[in-house]
Amino acid sequence: MTAETSVPFRAGRDGYASFRIPAVVVTASGTVLAFCEGRVGSQADFGNIDIVLRRSADGGRTWGPLQVVAKNGTDLAGNPAPVVLDTGRLLLVQVRNAASATEDAIRRGTVPAADGRRVWLQHSDDDGLIWTAPREITGQVKRAAWRWYATTPGHAVRLTTGRILVPANHSLPPTGTDNGTEGKYNGGHCLLSDDAGDTWRIGYVDDNTDGYINVNETTASELPDGRLYFNTRNDSPAPGNRADAHSTDGGESLLRPFRPQACLTGPVVEGSVLQLRDPDLLLFSGPADPGFRALMTVRGSADGGTTWRTVHTVDGLPAAYSDLVRVDGETVGLLYETGDFSAYETVSFRRVPVADLVGTSGE
């Protein structure tokens, strides 16, 4: 088998100037669902943004028509965090805010709470064809003092216990003469539900303002021994741009605060993790160029995220955000932003043989 690549989303198509922030899951029936943000007017992180979806019945080789899953009028619905429950139900956690509310303004505290980042939930019981109206859960999962707020990006996690876990991040109000946009005010937390998404609460919270490790966009996976592995983007000047942590209580707390993970060389960017059970291999996807969003690479860990090696290099082109999914017994799927001259020309899907991931030494 060889890797195959398809393109479910291309900038400038279907009424959207840009597509960004990929997330992917495989339903109980084997349908691949590729989500992302459809940005109407520009590539910018604010404005008129919808959550869109394309479905694949052949493992990501071809794709059906674009569906608009979440539309917030002409405001923003984004950061899709989908997860498949053991019943087959699909949950989609997301954030919403006013189109004019930029991250900078939200972090400075100049945006009214009603226009700032709020958290919503939808579900589908028919393989992603029809979705319920969104239901707000902000009061359950966002502390009043938090300003910026984002789920994942990427897929959420259903644990073997049935618990649903959504990694997330937030920003704290500043102190002294700071304005709140400084990286040291970034913090991480997770959303937890033990009743299939009916009610939610906040799990671990990792806050510090020392400017060393300040958690940003976070991804998670459950290891074979039941521990949770969290990997995060770090925007502060610690060794490298990644940090990680473990939890032994289902995300209620962290064994230790996030610490630098210097094995994962790359730029400041989101990444994705996925635990394979057969074989036992933890995967991480993200650009591997140390200073530029390029060189999309999958790395593997056989020791629960302590050390990492390269197991698959896509190409040397520009690349940015990504998400990983187990398509079937022989295939891992990688949904990622890429293009010939910009990382944001397409959201592409790559089918990678599991045998290639296991058999590559990376040395």
Protein backbone atom coordinates (compact mmCIF):
# COMPACT_ATOMS: atom_id res chain seq x y z
CA MET A 1 0.00 0.00 0.00
CA THR A 2 1.06 3.56 -0.66
CA ALA A 3 -0.14 6.82 0.83
CA GLU A 4 -3.00 8.49 -1.06
CA THR A 5 -4.08 12.14 -0.88
CA SER A 6 -7.43 13.77 -1.69
CA VAL A 7 -8.63 17.38 -1.28
CA PRO A 8 -12.00 17.82 0.44
CA PHE A 9 -11.64 21.61 0.82
CA ARG A 10 -9.99 24.14 -1.50
CA ALA A 11 -9.86 27.90 -0.81
CA GLY A 12 -12.21 29.94 -2.97
CA ARG A 13 -14.71 27.14 -3.55
CA ASP A 14 -18.31 26.61 -2.35
CA GLY A 15 -18.76 30.27 -1.37
CA TYR A 16 -15.85 30.40 1.07
CA ALA A 17 -12.66 32.42 0.68
CA SER A 18 -10.74 30.08 2.95
CA PHE A 19 -11.01 26.79 4.84
CA ARG A 20 -9.11 26.30 8.08
CA ILE A 21 -9.00 24.41 11.43
CA PRO A 22 -9.50 20.75 10.40
CA ALA A 23 -11.06 18.03 12.56
CA VAL A 24 -11.85 14.46 11.51
CA VAL A 25 -13.66 11.41 12.90
CA VAL A 26 -14.86 8.07 11.55
CA THR A 27 -18.46 7.15 12.38
CA ALA A 28 -19.68 3.80 13.68
CA SER A 29 -20.62 2.84 10.11
CA GLY A 30 -17.15 3.73 8.77
CA THR A 31 -17.96 7.09 7.17
CA VAL A 32 -15.13 9.62 7.34
CA LEU A 33 -16.34 13.06 8.42
CA ALA A 34 -14.00 15.97 7.63
CA PHE A 35 -14.90 19.20 9.45
CA CYS A 36 -13.31 22.63 9.23
CA GLU A 37 -14.11 26.32 9.38
CA GLY A 38 -15.50 27.83 6.19
CA ARG A 39 -14.40 31.45 6.25
CA VAL A 40 -16.65 33.55 4.03
CA GLY A 41 -14.83 36.81 3.48
CA SER A 42 -11.15 36.14 4.06
CA GLN A 43 -8.55 33.90 5.69
CA ALA A 44 -8.80 35.89 8.94
CA ASP A 45 -9.59 34.23 12.29
CA PHE A 46 -12.61 36.50 12.81
CA GLY A 47 -15.60 37.47 10.68
CA ASN A 48 -18.38 35.45 9.08
CA ILE A 49 -17.29 31.84 9.72
CA ASP A 50 -19.30 28.60 9.53
CA ILE A 51 -18.48 25.01 10.51
CA VAL A 52 -18.63 22.91 7.35
CA LEU A 53 -18.42 19.18 6.68
CA ARG A 54 -17.75 16.76 3.85
CA ARG A 55 -18.43 13.02 4.14
CA SER A 56 -16.57 10.13 2.56
CA ALA A 57 -17.96 6.61 2.19
CA ASP A 58 -14.72 5.17 0.77
CA GLY A 59 -12.19 5.91 3.48
CA GLY A 60 -11.31 9.44 2.37
CA ARG A 61 -10.60 8.76 -1.31
CA THR A 62 -13.60 10.75 -2.56
CA TRP A 63 -15.94 13.22 -0.88
CA GLY A 64 -19.60 14.15 -0.97
CA PRO A 65 -20.98 17.69 -1.23
CA LEU A 66 -20.21 20.36 1.33
CA GLN A 67 -22.64 20.60 4.26
CA VAL A 68 -22.98 23.63 6.55
CA VAL A 69 -23.28 22.10 10.04
CA ALA A 70 -23.16 25.24 12.19
CA LYS A 71 -23.99 28.78 11.08
CA ASN A 72 -24.10 31.69 13.51
CA GLY A 73 -25.84 34.16 11.21
CA THR A 74 -23.07 36.36 9.86
CA ASP A 75 -21.04 35.88 13.06
CA LEU A 76 -18.54 33.14 13.92
CA ALA A 77 -19.06 29.44 14.64
CA GLY A 78 -15.73 27.62 14.77
CA ASN A 79 -13.18 25.35 16.42
CA PRO A 80 -15.14 22.15 15.67
CA ALA A 81 -14.42 19.37 18.19
CA PRO A 82 -16.31 16.24 17.06
CA VAL A 83 -16.46 12.90 18.89
CA VAL A 84 -18.25 9.59 18.24
CA LEU A 85 -20.06 7.99 21.18
CA ASP A 86 -20.44 4.24 21.74
CA THR A 87 -24.10 4.58 20.72
CA GLY A 88 -23.06 5.95 17.33
CA ARG A 89 -24.21 9.48 18.20
CA LEU A 90 -21.93 12.25 16.99
CA LEU A 91 -21.30 15.22 19.29
CA LEU A 92 -19.88 18.49 17.99
CA VAL A 93 -18.55 20.99 20.54
CA GLN A 94 -17.76 24.45 19.15
CA VAL A 95 -17.15 28.09 20.04
CA ARG A 96 -19.07 31.15 18.86
CA ASN A 97 -18.54 34.89 19.03
CA ALA A 98 -19.43 38.12 17.25
CA ALA A 99 -17.86 38.54 13.81
CA SER A 100 -16.13 41.76 14.87
CA ALA A 101 -14.58 40.26 18.04
CA THR A 102 -10.89 39.67 17.33
CA GLU A 103 -8.69 37.56 19.59
CA ASP A 104 -6.66 40.66 20.43
CA ALA A 105 -9.74 42.59 21.57
CA ILE A 106 -11.11 39.64 23.56
CA ARG A 107 -7.78 39.14 25.32
CA ARG A 108 -7.64 42.87 26.15
CA GLY A 109 -11.12 42.67 27.69
CA THR A 110 -12.69 45.26 25.39
CA VAL A 111 -15.39 42.93 24.00
CA PRO A 112 -18.75 42.62 25.83
CA ALA A 113 -19.28 39.17 27.31
CA ALA A 114 -22.27 38.55 25.04
CA ASP A 115 -20.05 39.07 21.97
CA GLY A 116 -17.06 37.10 23.31
CA ARG A 117 -16.22 33.41 23.15
CA ARG A 118 -19.08 31.12 24.09
CA VAL A 119 -19.34 27.33 23.95
CA TRP A 120 -22.08 25.37 22.17
CA LEU A 121 -22.97 21.75 21.42
CA GLN A 122 -24.81 19.92 18.63
CA HIS A 123 -25.37 16.25 17.87
CA SER A 124 -26.33 13.93 15.02
CA ASP A 125 -27.90 10.49 15.19
CA ASP A 126 -27.79 9.70 11.46
CA ASP A 127 -24.09 9.53 10.62
CA GLY A 128 -23.69 13.30 10.31
CA LEU A 129 -26.42 13.98 7.76
CA ILE A 130 -28.71 16.02 10.02
CA TRP A 131 -27.64 17.98 13.09
CA THR A 132 -29.64 19.36 15.99
CA ALA A 133 -29.90 23.05 16.73
CA PRO A 134 -26.97 24.23 18.88
CA ARG A 135 -27.29 24.28 22.68
CA GLU A 136 -25.16 26.63 24.79
CA ILE A 137 -23.01 25.15 27.58
CA THR A 138 -20.82 28.19 28.35
CA GLY A 139 -21.94 28.45 31.97
CA GLN A 140 -20.81 24.89 32.67
CA VAL A 141 -17.34 25.06 31.09
CA LYS A 142 -16.03 28.64 31.14
CA ARG A 143 -14.98 30.55 34.25
CA ALA A 144 -16.17 34.14 34.42
CA ALA A 145 -12.65 35.59 34.51
CA TRP A 146 -11.46 33.80 31.38
CA ARG A 147 -11.32 35.94 28.26
CA TRP A 148 -10.14 34.09 25.16
CA TYR A 149 -11.44 30.52 24.87
CA ALA A 150 -10.94 27.75 22.32
CA THR A 151 -11.80 24.07 22.07
CA THR A 152 -8.97 21.79 20.86
CA PRO A 153 -8.71 22.31 17.63
CA GLY A 154 -9.24 18.78 16.30
CA HIS A 155 -11.30 15.81 17.48
CA ALA A 156 -12.45 15.34 21.06
CA VAL A 157 -11.93 12.03 22.91
CA ARG A 158 -14.26 9.31 24.22
CA LEU A 159 -12.49 7.36 26.96
CA THR A 160 -12.91 3.64 27.58
CA THR A 161 -14.96 4.59 30.66
CA GLY A 162 -17.42 6.40 28.40
CA ARG A 163 -16.31 9.84 29.58
CA ILE A 164 -16.08 12.55 26.92
CA LEU A 165 -13.07 14.84 27.12
CA VAL A 166 -12.52 18.01 25.09
CA PRO A 167 -9.11 19.71 25.44
CA ALA A 168 -9.41 23.50 25.56
CA ASN A 169 -7.51 26.69 26.32
CA HIS A 170 -8.27 30.12 27.68
CA SER A 171 -6.61 33.40 28.63
CA LEU A 172 -6.43 35.08 32.02
CA PRO A 173 -6.97 38.76 32.82
CA PRO A 174 -3.66 40.66 33.05
CA THR A 175 -1.95 42.14 36.07
CA GLY A 176 0.12 45.28 36.43
CA THR A 177 0.69 47.20 33.23
CA ASP A 178 0.12 44.20 30.93
CA ASN A 179 -2.76 44.28 28.45
CA GLY A 180 -3.74 40.58 28.39
CA THR A 181 -2.32 39.74 24.98
CA GLU A 182 0.96 38.48 26.44
CA GLY A 183 1.57 34.74 25.97
CA LYS A 184 2.08 34.20 29.69
CA TYR A 185 -1.66 34.66 30.25
CA ASN A 186 -2.48 31.54 28.20
CA GLY A 187 -3.87 28.63 30.19
CA GLY A 188 -5.19 25.14 29.51
CA HIS A 189 -8.09 23.08 30.76
CA CYS A 190 -10.46 20.37 29.55
CA LEU A 191 -14.23 19.85 29.36
CA LEU A 192 -15.63 16.62 30.84
CA SER A 193 -18.98 14.88 30.46
CA ASP A 194 -19.96 11.59 32.10
CA ASP A 195 -23.50 11.44 30.71
CA ALA A 196 -23.00 11.38 26.93
CA GLY A 197 -22.87 15.17 26.65
CA ASP A 198 -26.01 16.07 28.62
CA THR A 199 -24.04 17.96 31.29
CA TRP A 200 -20.47 19.27 31.38
CA ARG A 201 -17.87 20.49 33.84
CA ILE A 202 -14.28 21.70 33.89
CA GLY A 203 -11.55 19.11 34.51
CA TYR A 204 -7.89 20.00 35.06
CA VAL A 205 -6.80 23.62 34.85
CA ASP A 206 -3.15 24.46 34.09
CA ASP A 207 -2.52 28.16 34.74
CA ASN A 208 0.69 29.99 35.42
CA THR A 209 2.02 33.38 34.41
CA ASP A 210 5.74 32.71 34.63
CA GLY A 211 6.18 32.96 30.86
CA TYR A 212 7.82 29.51 30.62
CA ILE A 213 5.12 27.01 29.63
CA ASN A 214 1.82 28.67 28.83
CA VAL A 215 -0.68 26.24 27.39
CA ASN A 216 -2.41 27.06 24.12
CA GLU A 217 -4.13 24.76 21.60
CA THR A 218 -4.17 21.25 23.06
CA THR A 219 -4.84 17.72 21.83
CA ALA A 220 -5.33 14.51 23.82
CA SER A 221 -5.44 10.73 23.55
CA GLU A 222 -5.98 7.80 25.92
CA LEU A 223 -3.01 5.46 26.28
CA PRO A 224 -3.42 1.66 26.50
CA ASP A 225 -2.71 1.73 30.26
CA GLY A 226 -5.59 4.16 30.85
CA ARG A 227 -3.49 7.29 31.31
CA LEU A 228 -4.32 10.36 29.23
CA TYR A 229 -1.66 12.07 27.17
CA PHE A 230 -1.98 15.80 26.45
CA ASN A 231 0.18 17.68 23.96
CA THR A 232 0.01 21.45 23.58
CA ARG A 233 1.25 24.34 21.53
CA ASN A 234 3.48 26.57 23.64
CA ASP A 235 3.86 30.21 22.58
CA SER A 236 6.30 31.13 25.36
CA PRO A 237 10.12 30.99 25.08
CA ALA A 238 10.66 27.57 26.67
CA PRO A 239 12.87 24.93 25.04
CA GLY A 240 11.00 24.17 21.83
CA ASN A 241 7.41 24.98 20.91
CA ARG A 242 5.66 21.87 22.31
CA ALA A 243 4.80 20.77 25.84
CA ASP A 244 3.01 17.73 27.24
CA ALA A 245 1.43 16.24 30.35
CA HIS A 246 -0.29 13.09 31.60
CA SER A 247 -3.39 12.41 33.69
CA THR A 248 -4.24 9.23 35.63
CA ASP A 249 -7.76 10.25 36.68
CA GLY A 250 -9.50 10.80 33.36
CA GLY A 251 -8.57 14.46 33.01
CA GLU A 252 -9.66 15.60 36.47
CA SER A 253 -6.06 16.65 37.18
CA LEU A 254 -2.56 16.43 35.73
CA LEU A 255 0.23 14.33 37.23
CA ARG A 256 2.52 17.33 36.70
CA PRO A 257 1.99 20.67 34.98
CA PHE A 258 2.80 20.79 31.27
CA ARG A 259 6.55 20.51 30.66
CA PRO A 260 8.69 21.08 27.52
CA GLN A 261 8.70 18.31 24.91
CA ALA A 262 11.85 19.05 22.94
CA CYS A 263 11.68 15.81 20.90
CA LEU A 264 8.95 17.41 18.77
CA THR A 265 10.75 20.02 16.71
CA GLY A 266 8.45 22.39 14.87
CA PRO A 267 7.11 25.93 14.62
CA VAL A 268 4.48 27.50 16.87
CA VAL A 269 1.36 25.73 15.59
CA GLU A 270 -1.44 23.34 16.53
CA GLY A 271 -0.79 19.58 16.38
CA SER A 272 -2.76 16.36 16.79
CA VAL A 273 -2.23 13.10 18.70
CA LEU A 274 -3.79 9.66 18.17
CA GLN A 275 -3.17 6.43 20.08
CA LEU A 276 -3.12 3.28 17.95
CA ARG A 277 -4.04 0.14 19.90
CA ASP A 278 -2.96 -2.42 17.30
CA PRO A 279 -0.07 -1.80 17.02
CA ASP A 280 0.64 0.08 20.26
CA LEU A 281 1.92 3.40 18.91
CA LEU A 282 1.13 7.00 19.89
CA LEU A 283 1.15 9.35 16.89
CA PHE A 284 1.70 13.12 16.63
CA SER A 285 1.12 15.17 13.47
CA GLY A 286 2.44 18.64 12.77
CA PRO A 287 4.93 20.63 10.70
CA ALA A 288 8.54 19.67 11.45
CA ASP A 289 10.39 22.72 10.14
CA PRO A 290 11.61 24.49 13.31
CA GLY A 291 10.77 28.01 12.18
CA PHE A 292 8.19 27.83 9.41
CA ARG A 293 4.82 26.16 8.98
CA ALA A 294 6.01 23.50 6.53
CA LEU A 295 7.14 19.86 6.28
CA MET A 296 4.02 18.05 7.54
CA THR A 297 5.28 15.02 9.47
CA VAL A 298 3.85 12.21 11.56
CA ARG A 299 5.95 11.17 14.53
CA GLY A 300 5.53 8.12 16.73
CA SER A 301 6.13 7.29 20.39
CA ALA A 302 6.37 3.79 21.86
CA ASP A 303 6.70 5.04 25.44
CA GLY A 304 3.54 7.07 26.02
CA GLY A 305 4.89 10.36 24.68
CA THR A 306 8.24 10.48 26.50
CA THR A 307 10.33 10.20 23.31
CA TRP A 308 9.42 10.57 19.64
CA ARG A 309 10.75 9.60 16.18
CA THR A 310 9.66 10.41 12.64
CA VAL A 311 7.47 7.69 11.10
CA HIS A 312 6.02 9.45 8.03
CA THR A 313 6.92 12.63 6.15
CA VAL A 314 4.21 13.93 3.82
CA ASP A 315 6.32 16.41 1.81
CA GLY A 316 8.32 19.61 2.19
CA LEU A 317 5.49 21.98 1.30
CA PRO A 318 3.89 24.63 3.51
CA ALA A 319 1.58 23.04 6.09
CA ALA A 320 -0.11 24.09 9.33
CA TYR A 321 -2.98 22.64 11.39
CA SER A 322 -3.85 18.92 11.26
CA ASP A 323 -5.93 16.14 12.81
CA LEU A 324 -5.45 12.35 12.92
CA VAL A 325 -7.98 9.51 12.76
CA ARG A 326 -7.91 5.70 12.52
CA VAL A 327 -9.74 5.01 9.26
CA ASP A 328 -9.63 1.22 9.46
CA GLY A 329 -7.31 -1.59 10.55
CA GLU A 330 -4.76 -0.81 7.86
CA THR A 331 -5.05 2.97 7.49
CA VAL A 332 -4.53 6.19 9.45
CA GLY A 333 -6.04 9.39 8.06
CA LEU A 334 -4.41 12.82 8.27
CA LEU A 335 -6.57 15.90 7.60
CA TYR A 336 -4.25 18.87 7.24
CA GLU A 337 -3.81 22.39 5.91
CA THR A 338 -1.36 22.64 3.02
CA GLY A 339 -0.60 24.15 -0.39
CA ASP A 340 2.11 24.75 -2.93
CA PHE A 341 2.90 28.32 -1.85
CA SER A 342 0.80 28.79 1.30
CA ALA A 343 -0.30 26.42 4.04
CA TYR A 344 -3.88 27.67 3.63
CA GLU A 345 -4.65 26.80 0.00
CA THR A 346 -6.35 23.50 0.82
CA VAL A 347 -7.45 21.21 3.60
CA SER A 348 -6.24 17.85 2.30
CA PHE A 349 -6.72 14.27 3.47
CA ARG A 350 -3.92 11.71 3.37
CA ARG A 351 -4.41 7.97 3.80
CA VAL A 352 -1.27 6.54 5.42
CA PRO A 353 -0.78 2.76 5.69
CA VAL A 354 -0.32 1.66 9.29
CA ALA A 355 2.42 -0.71 8.09
CA ASP A 356 4.44 2.32 6.94
CA LEU A 357 4.13 3.98 10.35
CA VAL A 358 5.34 0.88 12.16
CA GLY A 359 8.11 -0.04 9.73
CA THR A 360 9.84 3.34 9.40
CA SER A 361 12.76 3.95 11.73
CA GLY A 362 13.05 7.69 11.10
CA GLU A 363 16.83 7.49 11.52
